[in-house]
Amino acid sequence: MKLTINGKPEEIAGENLSVVELLKVKDVDMPDMVSVQLNGEILERSAFDTTTVQNDDEVEFLYFMGGGSL
């Protein structure tokens, strides 16, 4: 299946992968700390198991970093 992941075209083996499965396939560091945007929509974490990615979808893995001091 062809996806655009973080702005780069990629070929992923398989079809109808859930977001959780995609995170595993992509070996995403700290999957519990990543937000996922699918075709411009931020997904609720509770939907990761039931939302599937389809051919030509655009996926962004978003990491929110805190910290720093003033």
Foldseek 3Di string as FASTA:
>chain_A
DWEQEQNRIDDDPDAFDFQVRVCVSVVPPPPVQWWKAKQNRTDDPVCRRPHTDHHHIYMYIDGDDDDDDD
